[in-house]
Amino acid sequence: MQTVSTIVVAIVGFIHIAISVVEMFFWQNPSVYGRLGFSADIASQVAPIVNNAGLYNAFLAAGLLWGAFSQSISIPIFFLVCVIVAGLYGAVTLKPTTLVLQTFPATIALIMVWLAHS
């Protein structure tokens, strides 16, 4: 079970690496901002904010990968709860699909970590 929880936490970490890369480097691509319903003008205006969010997602990814390979249960639990809260907040303030992209995988990973350490 420990191996499964490590893999699942690492997957959540890699999801956040992908989110980070998109937010930091590809935000101004019409196929990216268009998925969220932004016009080119608005996307350009909010680009610094989205780029900054990308950096925060990179920090989450680093913490998740650290937690995946840590012997401590506290590290992955902390970062997974952060992702779950961010996903819930994103679902309310941005798009409900953040539940699928962030909250659901992090919740599964949290359950796996908990079971592996029970």
PDB file of N, CA and C in Angstrom:
ATOM      1  N   MET A   1       0.825  -1.197   0.000  1.00  0.00           N
ATOM      2  CA  MET A   1       0.000   0.000   0.000  1.00  0.00           C
ATOM      3  C   MET A   1       0.872   1.265   0.000  1.00  0.00           C
ATOM      4  N   GLN A   2       2.045   1.187   0.648  1.00  0.00           N
ATOM      5  CA  GLN A   2       2.946   2.347   0.684  1.00  0.00           C
ATOM      6  C   GLN A   2       3.382   2.737  -0.733  1.00  0.00           C
ATOM      7  N   THR A   3       3.685   1.748  -1.568  1.00  0.00           N
ATOM      8  CA  THR A   3       4.107   2.027  -2.942  1.00  0.00           C
ATOM      9  C   THR A   3       2.980   2.700  -3.721  1.00  0.00           C
ATOM     10  N   VAL A   4       1.766   2.219  -3.545  1.00  0.00           N
ATOM     11  CA  VAL A   4       0.612   2.807  -4.237  1.00  0.00           C
ATOM     12  C   VAL A   4       0.418   4.250  -3.805  1.00  0.00           C
ATOM     13  N   SER A   5       0.512   4.523  -2.518  1.00  0.00           N
ATOM     14  CA  SER A   5       0.321   5.902  -2.050  1.00  0.00           C
ATOM     15  C   SER A   5       1.427   6.807  -2.575  1.00  0.00           C
ATOM     16  N   THR A   6       2.655   6.322  -2.634  1.00  0.00           N
ATOM     17  CA  THR A   6       3.759   7.107  -3.195  1.00  0.00           C
ATOM     18  C   THR A   6       3.478   7.459  -4.649  1.00  0.00           C
ATOM     19  N   ILE A   7       3.033   6.490  -5.413  1.00  0.00           N
ATOM     20  CA  ILE A   7       2.744   6.710  -6.838  1.00  0.00           C
ATOM     21  C   ILE A   7       1.609   7.712  -7.010  1.00  0.00           C
ATOM     22  N   VAL A   8       0.549   7.570  -6.233  1.00  0.00           N
ATOM     23  CA  VAL A   8      -0.610   8.450  -6.382  1.00  0.00           C
ATOM     24  C   VAL A   8      -0.257   9.883  -5.969  1.00  0.00           C
ATOM     25  N   VAL A   9       0.492  10.048  -4.900  1.00  0.00           N
ATOM     26  CA  VAL A   9       0.907  11.397  -4.492  1.00  0.00           C
ATOM     27  C   VAL A   9       1.809  12.001  -5.567  1.00  0.00           C
ATOM     28  N   ALA A  10       2.718  11.199  -6.116  1.00  0.00           N
ATOM     29  CA  ALA A  10       3.601  11.692  -7.186  1.00  0.00           C
ATOM     30  C   ALA A  10       2.786  12.098  -8.420  1.00  0.00           C
ATOM     31  N   ILE A  11       1.753  11.346  -8.740  1.00  0.00           N
ATOM     32  CA  ILE A  11       0.891  11.710  -9.879  1.00  0.00           C
ATOM     33  C   ILE A  11       0.252  13.072  -9.640  1.00  0.00           C
ATOM     34  N   VAL A  12      -0.248  13.316  -8.433  1.00  0.00           N
ATOM     35  CA  VAL A  12      -0.830  14.621  -8.114  1.00  0.00           C
ATOM     36  C   VAL A  12       0.246  15.705  -8.251  1.00  0.00           C
ATOM     37  N   GLY A  13       1.468  15.394  -7.837  1.00  0.00           N
ATOM     38  CA  GLY A  13       2.571  16.336  -8.012  1.00  0.00           C
ATOM     39  C   GLY A  13       2.830  16.650  -9.474  1.00  0.00           C
ATOM     40  N   PHE A  14       2.819  15.624 -10.323  1.00  0.00           N
ATOM     41  CA  PHE A  14       3.045  15.841 -11.755  1.00  0.00           C
ATOM     42  C   PHE A  14       1.886  16.610 -12.407  1.00  0.00           C
ATOM     43  N   ILE A  15       0.684  16.400 -11.920  1.00  0.00           N
ATOM     44  CA  ILE A  15      -0.450  17.198 -12.406  1.00  0.00           C
ATOM     45  C   ILE A  15      -0.180  18.672 -12.124  1.00  0.00           C
ATOM     46  N   HIS A  16       0.345  18.963 -10.937  1.00  0.00           N
ATOM     47  CA  HIS A  16       0.614  20.356 -10.591  1.00  0.00           C
ATOM     48  C   HIS A  16       1.826  20.925 -11.329  1.00  0.00           C
ATOM     49  N   ILE A  17       2.752  20.093 -11.705  1.00  0.00           N
ATOM     50  CA  ILE A  17       3.830  20.564 -12.578  1.00  0.00           C
ATOM     51  C   ILE A  17       3.229  20.985 -13.917  1.00  0.00           C
ATOM     52  N   ALA A  18       2.337  20.160 -14.456  1.00  0.00           N
ATOM     53  CA  ALA A  18       1.694  20.484 -15.736  1.00  0.00           C
ATOM     54  C   ALA A  18       0.887  21.777 -15.630  1.00  0.00           C
ATOM     55  N   ILE A  19       0.117  21.913 -14.566  1.00  0.00           N
ATOM     56  CA  ILE A  19      -0.667  23.136 -14.364  1.00  0.00           C
ATOM     57  C   ILE A  19       0.276  24.338 -14.299  1.00  0.00           C
ATOM     58  N   SER A  20       1.350  24.191 -13.563  1.00  0.00           N
ATOM     59  CA  SER A  20       2.316  25.272 -13.413  1.00  0.00           C
ATOM     60  C   SER A  20       2.919  25.690 -14.746  1.00  0.00           C
ATOM     61  N   VAL A  21       3.323  24.724 -15.537  1.00  0.00           N
ATOM     62  CA  VAL A  21       3.923  25.017 -16.839  1.00  0.00           C
ATOM     63  C   VAL A  21       2.925  25.749 -17.733  1.00  0.00           C
ATOM     64  N   VAL A  22       1.696  25.280 -17.753  1.00  0.00           N
ATOM     65  CA  VAL A  22       0.667  25.930 -18.579  1.00  0.00           C
ATOM     66  C   VAL A  22       0.442  27.360 -18.104  1.00  0.00           C
ATOM     67  N   GLU A  23       0.308  27.558 -16.801  1.00  0.00           N
ATOM     68  CA  GLU A  23       0.034  28.896 -16.280  1.00  0.00           C
ATOM     69  C   GLU A  23       1.211  29.854 -16.482  1.00  0.00           C
ATOM     70  N   MET A  24       2.421  29.348 -16.360  1.00  0.00           N
ATOM     71  CA  MET A  24       3.592  30.219 -16.442  1.00  0.00           C
ATOM     72  C   MET A  24       4.063  30.477 -17.873  1.00  0.00           C
ATOM     73  N   PHE A  25       3.887  29.497 -18.751  1.00  0.00           N
ATOM     74  CA  PHE A  25       4.503  29.607 -20.074  1.00  0.00           C
ATOM     75  C   PHE A  25       3.529  29.599 -21.251  1.00  0.00           C
ATOM     76  N   PHE A  26       2.322  29.091 -21.040  1.00  0.00           N
ATOM     77  CA  PHE A  26       1.393  28.939 -22.159  1.00  0.00           C
ATOM     78  C   PHE A  26       0.078  29.680 -21.976  1.00  0.00           C
ATOM     79  N   TRP A  27      -0.042  30.490 -20.927  1.00  0.00           N
ATOM     80  CA  TRP A  27      -1.300  31.153 -20.626  1.00  0.00           C
ATOM     81  C   TRP A  27      -1.817  31.975 -21.797  1.00  0.00           C
ATOM     82  N   GLN A  28      -0.955  32.661 -22.524  1.00  0.00           N
ATOM     83  CA  GLN A  28      -1.418  33.574 -23.568  1.00  0.00           C
ATOM     84  C   GLN A  28      -1.743  32.868 -24.879  1.00  0.00           C
ATOM     85  N   ASN A  29      -1.717  31.560 -24.884  1.00  0.00           N
ATOM     86  CA  ASN A  29      -2.153  30.772 -26.038  1.00  0.00           C
ATOM     87  C   ASN A  29      -3.686  30.738 -26.028  1.00  0.00           C
ATOM     88  N   PRO A  30      -4.321  31.083 -27.157  1.00  0.00           N
ATOM     89  CA  PRO A  30      -5.798  31.126 -27.192  1.00  0.00           C
ATOM     90  C   PRO A  30      -6.468  29.811 -26.783  1.00  0.00           C
ATOM     91  N   SER A  31      -5.832  28.689 -27.056  1.00  0.00           N
ATOM     92  CA  SER A  31      -6.457  27.420 -26.678  1.00  0.00           C
ATOM     93  C   SER A  31      -6.447  27.216 -25.165  1.00  0.00           C
ATOM     94  N   VAL A  32      -5.565  27.907 -24.477  1.00  0.00           N
ATOM     95  CA  VAL A  32      -5.513  27.796 -23.012  1.00  0.00           C
ATOM     96  C   VAL A  32      -6.511  28.757 -22.378  1.00  0.00           C
ATOM     97  N   TYR A  33      -6.359  30.055 -22.625  1.00  0.00           N
ATOM     98  CA  TYR A  33      -7.264  31.002 -21.971  1.00  0.00           C
ATOM     99  C   TYR A  33      -8.695  30.873 -22.490  1.00  0.00           C
ATOM    100  N   GLY A  34      -8.861  30.418 -23.719  1.00  0.00           N
ATOM    101  CA  GLY A  34     -10.198  30.223 -24.272  1.00  0.00           C
ATOM    102  C   GLY A  34     -10.983  29.139 -23.559  1.00  0.00           C
ATOM    103  N   ARG A  35     -10.277  28.114 -23.052  1.00  0.00           N
ATOM    104  CA  ARG A  35     -10.953  27.032 -22.303  1.00  0.00           C
ATOM    105  C   ARG A  35     -11.617  27.553 -21.038  1.00  0.00           C
ATOM    106  N   LEU A  36     -11.087  28.663 -20.538  1.00  0.00           N
ATOM    107  CA  LEU A  36     -11.655  29.254 -19.326  1.00  0.00           C
ATOM    108  C   LEU A  36     -12.583  30.416 -19.627  1.00  0.00           C
ATOM    109  N   GLY A  37     -12.833  30.657 -20.918  1.00  0.00           N
ATOM    110  CA  GLY A  37     -13.785  31.677 -21.316  1.00  0.00           C
ATOM    111  C   GLY A  37     -13.240  33.095 -21.317  1.00  0.00           C
ATOM    112  N   PHE A  38     -11.924  33.248 -21.367  1.00  0.00           N
ATOM    113  CA  PHE A  38     -11.323  34.580 -21.390  1.00  0.00           C
ATOM    114  C   PHE A  38     -11.115  35.041 -22.822  1.00  0.00           C
ATOM    115  N   SER A  39     -11.281  36.341 -23.039  1.00  0.00           N
ATOM    116  CA  SER A  39     -10.921  36.934 -24.332  1.00  0.00           C
ATOM    117  C   SER A  39      -9.415  37.193 -24.330  1.00  0.00           C
ATOM    118  N   ALA A  40      -8.858  37.479 -25.499  1.00  0.00           N
ATOM    119  CA  ALA A  40      -7.423  37.764 -25.610  1.00  0.00           C
ATOM    120  C   ALA A  40      -7.054  38.981 -24.762  1.00  0.00           C
ATOM    121  N   ASP A  41      -7.911  39.991 -24.772  1.00  0.00           N
ATOM    122  CA  ASP A  41      -7.628  41.208 -24.019  1.00  0.00           C
ATOM    123  C   ASP A  41      -7.592  40.936 -22.517  1.00  0.00           C
ATOM    124  N   ILE A  42      -8.589  40.243 -22.029  1.00  0.00           N
ATOM    125  CA  ILE A  42      -8.648  39.931 -20.592  1.00  0.00           C
ATOM    126  C   ILE A  42      -7.502  38.984 -20.221  1.00  0.00           C
ATOM    127  N   ALA A  43      -7.227  38.004 -21.070  1.00  0.00           N
ATOM    128  CA  ALA A  43      -6.131  37.067 -20.797  1.00  0.00           C
ATOM    129  C   ALA A  43      -4.813  37.815 -20.660  1.00  0.00           C
ATOM    130  N   SER A  44      -4.606  38.790 -21.491  1.00  0.00           N
ATOM    131  CA  SER A  44      -3.385  39.599 -21.422  1.00  0.00           C
ATOM    132  C   SER A  44      -3.336  40.396 -20.121  1.00  0.00           C
ATOM    133  N   GLN A  45      -4.473  40.931 -19.711  1.00  0.00           N
ATOM    134  CA  GLN A  45      -4.526  41.725 -18.480  1.00  0.00           C
ATOM    135  C   GLN A  45      -4.260  40.887 -17.236  1.00  0.00           C
ATOM    136  N   VAL A  46      -4.767  39.660 -17.217  1.00  0.00           N
ATOM    137  CA  VAL A  46      -4.608  38.817 -16.024  1.00  0.00           C
ATOM    138  C   VAL A  46      -3.376  37.928 -16.087  1.00  0.00           C
ATOM    139  N   ALA A  47      -2.611  38.006 -17.164  1.00  0.00           N
ATOM    140  CA  ALA A  47      -1.438  37.143 -17.331  1.00  0.00           C
ATOM    141  C   ALA A  47      -0.485  37.183 -16.137  1.00  0.00           C
ATOM    142  N   PRO A  48      -0.147  38.354 -15.585  1.00  0.00           N
ATOM    143  CA  PRO A  48       0.759  38.337 -14.430  1.00  0.00           C
ATOM    144  C   PRO A  48       0.197  37.572 -13.233  1.00  0.00           C
ATOM    145  N   ILE A  49      -1.111  37.652 -13.030  1.00  0.00           N
ATOM    146  CA  ILE A  49      -1.737  36.930 -11.919  1.00  0.00           C
ATOM    147  C   ILE A  49      -1.685  35.428 -12.172  1.00  0.00           C
ATOM    148  N   VAL A  50      -1.995  35.023 -13.397  1.00  0.00           N
ATOM    149  CA  VAL A  50      -1.979  33.602 -13.751  1.00  0.00           C
ATOM    150  C   VAL A  50      -0.547  33.062 -13.679  1.00  0.00           C
ATOM    151  N   ASN A  51       0.417  33.841 -14.154  1.00  0.00           N
ATOM    152  CA  ASN A  51       1.819  33.423 -14.056  1.00  0.00           C
ATOM    153  C   ASN A  51       2.218  33.216 -12.597  1.00  0.00           C
ATOM    154  N   ASN A  52       1.764  34.106 -11.727  1.00  0.00           N
ATOM    155  CA  ASN A  52       2.055  33.984 -10.307  1.00  0.00           C
ATOM    156  C   ASN A  52       1.399  32.732  -9.720  1.00  0.00           C
ATOM    157  N   ALA A  53       0.170  32.459 -10.138  1.00  0.00           N
ATOM    158  CA  ALA A  53      -0.508  31.235  -9.684  1.00  0.00           C
ATOM    159  C   ALA A  53       0.268  30.002 -10.135  1.00  0.00           C
ATOM    160  N   GLY A  54       0.874  30.095 -11.310  1.00  0.00           N
ATOM    161  CA  GLY A  54       1.699  28.993 -11.793  1.00  0.00           C
ATOM    162  C   GLY A  54       2.871  28.721 -10.877  1.00  0.00           C
ATOM    163  N   LEU A  55       3.465  29.778 -10.360  1.00  0.00           N
ATOM    164  CA  LEU A  55       4.572  29.601  -9.421  1.00  0.00           C
ATOM    165  C   LEU A  55       4.092  28.911  -8.151  1.00  0.00           C
ATOM    166  N   TYR A  56       2.918  29.311  -7.662  1.00  0.00           N
ATOM    167  CA  TYR A  56       2.362  28.659  -6.475  1.00  0.00           C
ATOM    168  C   TYR A  56       2.075  27.174  -6.744  1.00  0.00           C
ATOM    169  N   ASN A  57       1.593  26.870  -7.931  1.00  0.00           N
ATOM    170  CA  ASN A  57       1.365  25.465  -8.275  1.00  0.00           C
ATOM    171  C   ASN A  57       2.674  24.697  -8.353  1.00  0.00           C
ATOM    172  N   ALA A  58       3.748  25.362  -8.768  1.00  0.00           N
ATOM    173  CA  ALA A  58       5.063  24.713  -8.774  1.00  0.00           C
ATOM    174  C   ALA A  58       5.506  24.403  -7.343  1.00  0.00           C
ATOM    175  N   PHE A  59       5.223  25.322  -6.419  1.00  0.00           N
ATOM    176  CA  PHE A  59       5.547  25.057  -5.012  1.00  0.00           C
ATOM    177  C   PHE A  59       4.739  23.878  -4.472  1.00  0.00           C
ATOM    178  N   LEU A  60       3.455  23.818  -4.838  1.00  0.00           N
ATOM    179  CA  LEU A  60       2.644  22.662  -4.439  1.00  0.00           C
ATOM    180  C   LEU A  60       3.228  21.376  -5.003  1.00  0.00           C
ATOM    181  N   ALA A  61       3.616  21.414  -6.266  1.00  0.00           N
ATOM    182  CA  ALA A  61       4.200  20.224  -6.898  1.00  0.00           C
ATOM    183  C   ALA A  61       5.474  19.788  -6.167  1.00  0.00           C
ATOM    184  N   ALA A  62       6.324  20.751  -5.823  1.00  0.00           N
ATOM    185  CA  ALA A  62       7.558  20.420  -5.102  1.00  0.00           C
ATOM    186  C   ALA A  62       7.239  19.775  -3.753  1.00  0.00           C
ATOM    187  N   GLY A  63       6.276  20.336  -3.044  1.00  0.00           N
ATOM    188  CA  GLY A  63       5.886  19.761  -1.755  1.00  0.00           C
ATOM    189  C   GLY A  63       5.276  18.372  -1.892  1.00  0.00           C
ATOM    190  N   LEU A  64       4.475  18.182  -2.926  1.00  0.00           N
ATOM    191  CA  LEU A  64       3.868  16.862  -3.155  1.00  0.00           C
ATOM    192  C   LEU A  64       4.927  15.819  -3.487  1.00  0.00           C
ATOM    193  N   LEU A  65       5.884  16.180  -4.321  1.00  0.00           N
ATOM    194  CA  LEU A  65       6.936  15.221  -4.670  1.00  0.00           C
ATOM    195  C   LEU A  65       7.837  14.950  -3.467  1.00  0.00           C
ATOM    196  N   TRP A  66       8.111  15.972  -2.688  1.00  0.00           N
ATOM    197  CA  TRP A  66       8.858  15.786  -1.446  1.00  0.00           C
ATOM    198  C   TRP A  66       8.080  14.839  -0.533  1.00  0.00           C
ATOM    199  N   GLY A  67       6.783  15.103  -0.383  1.00  0.00           N
ATOM    200  CA  GLY A  67       5.950  14.263   0.470  1.00  0.00           C
ATOM    201  C   GLY A  67       5.796  12.843  -0.027  1.00  0.00           C
ATOM    202  N   ALA A  68       5.774  12.673  -1.343  1.00  0.00           N
ATOM    203  CA  ALA A  68       5.618  11.327  -1.911  1.00  0.00           C
ATOM    204  C   ALA A  68       6.766  10.418  -1.501  1.00  0.00           C
ATOM    205  N   PHE A  69       7.955  10.986  -1.411  1.00  0.00           N
ATOM    206  CA  PHE A  69       9.137  10.171  -1.136  1.00  0.00           C
ATOM    207  C   PHE A  69       9.680  10.372   0.273  1.00  0.00           C
ATOM    208  N   SER A  70       8.906  11.033   1.104  1.00  0.00           N
ATOM    209  CA  SER A  70       9.274  11.264   2.493  1.00  0.00           C
ATOM    210  C   SER A  70       8.796  10.102   3.350  1.00  0.00           C
ATOM    211  N   GLN A  71       9.460   9.914   4.444  1.00  0.00           N
ATOM    212  CA  GLN A  71       9.026   8.898   5.404  1.00  0.00           C
ATOM    213  C   GLN A  71       7.941   9.434   6.335  1.00  0.00           C
ATOM    214  N   SER A  72       7.730  10.728   6.280  1.00  0.00           N
ATOM    215  CA  SER A  72       6.746  11.390   7.143  1.00  0.00           C
ATOM    216  C   SER A  72       5.360  11.339   6.503  1.00  0.00           C
ATOM    217  N   ILE A  73       4.358  11.139   7.318  1.00  0.00           N
ATOM    218  CA  ILE A  73       2.978  11.198   6.829  1.00  0.00           C
ATOM    219  C   ILE A  73       2.493  12.654   6.803  1.00  0.00           C
ATOM    220  N   SER A  74       3.083  13.500   7.617  1.00  0.00           N
ATOM    221  CA  SER A  74       2.632  14.895   7.733  1.00  0.00           C
ATOM    222  C   SER A  74       2.839  15.692   6.449  1.00  0.00           C
ATOM    223  N   ILE A  75       3.941  15.484   5.758  1.00  0.00           N
ATOM    224  CA  ILE A  75       4.258  16.276   4.570  1.00  0.00           C
ATOM    225  C   ILE A  75       3.250  16.020   3.448  1.00  0.00           C
ATOM    226  N   PRO A  76       3.023  14.768   3.037  1.00  0.00           N
ATOM    227  CA  PRO A  76       2.037  14.584   1.971  1.00  0.00           C
ATOM    228  C   PRO A  76       0.624  14.992   2.396  1.00  0.00           C
ATOM    229  N   ILE A  77       0.266  14.754   3.644  1.00  0.00           N
ATOM    230  CA  ILE A  77      -1.068  15.147   4.100  1.00  0.00           C
ATOM    231  C   ILE A  77      -1.238  16.664   4.007  1.00  0.00           C
ATOM    232  N   PHE A  78      -0.244  17.414   4.465  1.00  0.00           N
ATOM    233  CA  PHE A  78      -0.331  18.873   4.403  1.00  0.00           C
ATOM    234  C   PHE A  78      -0.529  19.348   2.969  1.00  0.00           C
ATOM    235  N   PHE A  79       0.319  18.886   2.046  1.00  0.00           N
ATOM    236  CA  PHE A  79       0.235  19.377   0.675  1.00  0.00           C
ATOM    237  C   PHE A  79      -1.012  18.875  -0.048  1.00  0.00           C
ATOM    238  N   LEU A  80      -1.452  17.663   0.254  1.00  0.00           N
ATOM    239  CA  LEU A  80      -2.688  17.174  -0.358  1.00  0.00           C
ATOM    240  C   LEU A  80      -3.901  17.968   0.123  1.00  0.00           C
ATOM    241  N   VAL A  81      -3.939  18.306   1.385  1.00  0.00           N
ATOM    242  CA  VAL A  81      -5.040  19.122   1.896  1.00  0.00           C
ATOM    243  C   VAL A  81      -5.002  20.501   1.240  1.00  0.00           C
ATOM    244  N   CYS A  82      -3.804  21.057   1.046  1.00  0.00           N
ATOM    245  CA  CYS A  82      -3.690  22.344   0.341  1.00  0.00           C
ATOM    246  C   CYS A  82      -4.284  22.245  -1.065  1.00  0.00           C
ATOM    247  N   VAL A  83      -3.987  21.159  -1.765  1.00  0.00           N
ATOM    248  CA  VAL A  83      -4.510  20.973  -3.125  1.00  0.00           C
ATOM    249  C   VAL A  83      -6.033  20.812  -3.099  1.00  0.00           C
ATOM    250  N   ILE A  84      -6.531  20.070  -2.147  1.00  0.00           N
ATOM    251  CA  ILE A  84      -7.980  19.870  -2.042  1.00  0.00           C
ATOM    252  C   ILE A  84      -8.679  21.213  -1.803  1.00  0.00           C
ATOM    253  N   VAL A  85      -8.160  22.008  -0.895  1.00  0.00           N
ATOM    254  CA  VAL A  85      -8.749  23.325  -0.621  1.00  0.00           C
ATOM    255  C   VAL A  85      -8.658  24.212  -1.867  1.00  0.00           C
ATOM    256  N   ALA A  86      -7.493  24.215  -2.535  1.00  0.00           N
ATOM    257  CA  ALA A  86      -7.337  25.019  -3.757  1.00  0.00           C
ATOM    258  C   ALA A  86      -8.308  24.559  -4.841  1.00  0.00           C
ATOM    259  N   GLY A  87      -8.502  23.259  -4.961  1.00  0.00           N
ATOM    260  CA  GLY A  87      -9.436  22.730  -5.951  1.00  0.00           C
ATOM    261  C   GLY A  87     -10.871  23.121  -5.652  1.00  0.00           C
ATOM    262  N   LEU A  88     -11.249  23.062  -4.387  1.00  0.00           N
ATOM    263  CA  LEU A  88     -12.603  23.483  -4.000  1.00  0.00           C
ATOM    264  C   LEU A  88     -12.798  24.975  -4.252  1.00  0.00           C
ATOM    265  N   TYR A  89     -11.809  25.758  -3.897  1.00  0.00           N
ATOM    266  CA  TYR A  89     -11.892  27.208  -4.117  1.00  0.00           C
ATOM    267  C   TYR A  89     -11.956  27.516  -5.615  1.00  0.00           C
ATOM    268  N   GLY A  90     -11.142  26.814  -6.393  1.00  0.00           N
ATOM    269  CA  GLY A  90     -11.157  27.001  -7.844  1.00  0.00           C
ATOM    270  C   GLY A  90     -12.491  26.606  -8.456  1.00  0.00           C
ATOM    271  N   ALA A  91     -13.109  25.580  -7.918  1.00  0.00           N
ATOM    272  CA  ALA A  91     -14.415  25.146  -8.436  1.00  0.00           C
ATOM    273  C   ALA A  91     -15.474  26.214  -8.213  1.00  0.00           C
ATOM    274  N   VAL A  92     -15.362  26.928  -7.101  1.00  0.00           N
ATOM    275  CA  VAL A  92     -16.330  27.967  -6.788  1.00  0.00           C
ATOM    276  C   VAL A  92     -16.029  29.253  -7.557  1.00  0.00           C
ATOM    277  N   THR A  93     -14.755  29.605  -7.666  1.00  0.00           N
ATOM    278  CA  THR A  93     -14.390  30.910  -8.226  1.00  0.00           C
ATOM    279  C   THR A  93     -14.017  30.887  -9.697  1.00  0.00           C
ATOM    280  N   LEU A  94     -13.672  29.711 -10.241  1.00  0.00           N
ATOM    281  CA  LEU A  94     -13.211  29.672 -11.623  1.00  0.00           C
ATOM    282  C   LEU A  94     -14.074  28.744 -12.471  1.00  0.00           C
ATOM    283  N   LYS A  95     -13.862  27.434 -12.289  1.00  0.00           N
ATOM    284  CA  LYS A  95     -14.628  26.442 -13.053  1.00  0.00           C
ATOM    285  C   LYS A  95     -14.808  25.186 -12.218  1.00  0.00           C
ATOM    286  N   PRO A  96     -15.962  24.564 -12.306  1.00  0.00           N
ATOM    287  CA  PRO A  96     -16.190  23.325 -11.550  1.00  0.00           C
ATOM    288  C   PRO A  96     -15.245  22.178 -11.953  1.00  0.00           C
ATOM    289  N   THR A  97     -14.651  22.270 -13.133  1.00  0.00           N
ATOM    290  CA  THR A  97     -13.757  21.188 -13.569  1.00  0.00           C
ATOM    291  C   THR A  97     -12.511  21.069 -12.698  1.00  0.00           C
ATOM    292  N   THR A  98     -12.207  22.095 -11.885  1.00  0.00           N
ATOM    293  CA  THR A  98     -11.062  21.947 -10.984  1.00  0.00           C
ATOM    294  C   THR A  98     -11.286  20.835  -9.966  1.00  0.00           C
ATOM    295  N   LEU A  99     -12.550  20.499  -9.725  1.00  0.00           N
ATOM    296  CA  LEU A  99     -12.822  19.356  -8.851  1.00  0.00           C
ATOM    297  C   LEU A  99     -12.256  18.077  -9.446  1.00  0.00           C
ATOM    298  N   VAL A 100     -12.389  17.941 -10.758  1.00  0.00           N
ATOM    299  CA  VAL A 100     -11.891  16.734 -11.437  1.00  0.00           C
ATOM    300  C   VAL A 100     -10.369  16.764 -11.546  1.00  0.00           C
ATOM    301  N   LEU A 101      -9.829  17.919 -11.860  1.00  0.00           N
ATOM    302  CA  LEU A 101      -8.393  18.027 -12.105  1.00  0.00           C
ATOM    303  C   LEU A 101      -7.574  18.062 -10.822  1.00  0.00           C
ATOM    304  N   GLN A 102      -8.079  18.719  -9.784  1.00  0.00           N
ATOM    305  CA  GLN A 102      -7.308  18.872  -8.560  1.00  0.00           C
ATOM    306  C   GLN A 102      -7.895  18.117  -7.372  1.00  0.00           C
ATOM    307  N   THR A 103      -9.143  18.389  -7.050  1.00  0.00           N
ATOM    308  CA  THR A 103      -9.706  17.882  -5.800  1.00  0.00           C
ATOM    309  C   THR A 103      -9.835  16.364  -5.784  1.00  0.00           C
ATOM    310  N   PHE A 104     -10.374  15.796  -6.848  1.00  0.00           N
ATOM    311  CA  PHE A 104     -10.584  14.343  -6.871  1.00  0.00           C
ATOM    312  C   PHE A 104      -9.269  13.569  -6.768  1.00  0.00           C
ATOM    313  N   PRO A 105      -8.252  13.849  -7.599  1.00  0.00           N
ATOM    314  CA  PRO A 105      -6.991  13.098  -7.469  1.00  0.00           C
ATOM    315  C   PRO A 105      -6.333  13.285  -6.094  1.00  0.00           C
ATOM    316  N   ALA A 106      -6.376  14.507  -5.560  1.00  0.00           N
ATOM    317  CA  ALA A 106      -5.760  14.744  -4.254  1.00  0.00           C
ATOM    318  C   ALA A 106      -6.508  14.010  -3.141  1.00  0.00           C
ATOM    319  N   THR A 107      -7.819  13.930  -3.256  1.00  0.00           N
ATOM    320  CA  THR A 107      -8.606  13.208  -2.250  1.00  0.00           C
ATOM    321  C   THR A 107      -8.285  11.717  -2.280  1.00  0.00           C
ATOM    322  N   ILE A 108      -8.192  11.157  -3.477  1.00  0.00           N
ATOM    323  CA  ILE A 108      -7.804   9.732  -3.614  1.00  0.00           C
ATOM    324  C   ILE A 108      -6.419   9.513  -3.015  1.00  0.00           C
ATOM    325  N   ALA A 109      -5.482  10.426  -3.333  1.00  0.00           N
ATOM    326  CA  ALA A 109      -4.127  10.301  -2.801  1.00  0.00           C
ATOM    327  C   ALA A 109      -4.119  10.403  -1.276  1.00  0.00           C
ATOM    328  N   LEU A 110      -4.913  11.314  -0.725  1.00  0.00           N
ATOM    329  CA  LEU A 110      -4.988  11.466   0.723  1.00  0.00           C
ATOM    330  C   LEU A 110      -5.504  10.185   1.380  1.00  0.00           C
ATOM    331  N   ILE A 111      -6.512   9.583   0.796  1.00  0.00           N
ATOM    332  CA  ILE A 111      -7.035   8.314   1.315  1.00  0.00           C
ATOM    333  C   ILE A 111      -5.963   7.234   1.251  1.00  0.00           C
ATOM    334  N   MET A 112      -5.218   7.177   0.139  1.00  0.00           N
ATOM    335  CA  MET A 112      -4.155   6.174  -0.016  1.00  0.00           C
ATOM    336  C   MET A 112      -3.040   6.373   1.018  1.00  0.00           C
ATOM    337  N   VAL A 113      -2.663   7.619   1.254  1.00  0.00           N
ATOM    338  CA  VAL A 113      -1.630   7.909   2.251  1.00  0.00           C
ATOM    339  C   VAL A 113      -2.121   7.482   3.632  1.00  0.00           C
ATOM    340  N   TRP A 114      -3.351   7.838   3.930  1.00  0.00           N
ATOM    341  CA  TRP A 114      -3.916   7.481   5.230  1.00  0.00           C
ATOM    342  C   TRP A 114      -3.951   5.952   5.422  1.00  0.00           C
ATOM    343  N   LEU A 115      -4.396   5.239   4.395  1.00  0.00           N
ATOM    344  CA  LEU A 115      -4.458   3.775   4.490  1.00  0.00           C
ATOM    345  C   LEU A 115      -3.059   3.152   4.596  1.00  0.00           C
ATOM    346  N   ALA A 116      -2.090   3.727   3.902  1.00  0.00           N
ATOM    347  CA  ALA A 116      -0.739   3.190   3.939  1.00  0.00           C
ATOM    348  C   ALA A 116      -0.089   3.352   5.309  1.00  0.00           C
ATOM    349  N   HIS A 117      -0.533   4.343   6.047  1.00  0.00           N
ATOM    350  CA  HIS A 117       0.058   4.597   7.361  1.00  0.00           C
ATOM    351  C   HIS A 117      -0.834   4.149   8.501  1.00  0.00           C
ATOM    352  N   SER A 118      -1.917   3.433   8.192  1.00  0.00           N
ATOM    353  CA  SER A 118      -2.815   2.949   9.250  1.00  0.00           C
ATOM    354  C   SER A 118      -2.354   1.624   9.793  1.00  0.00           C
TER     355      SER A 118
END
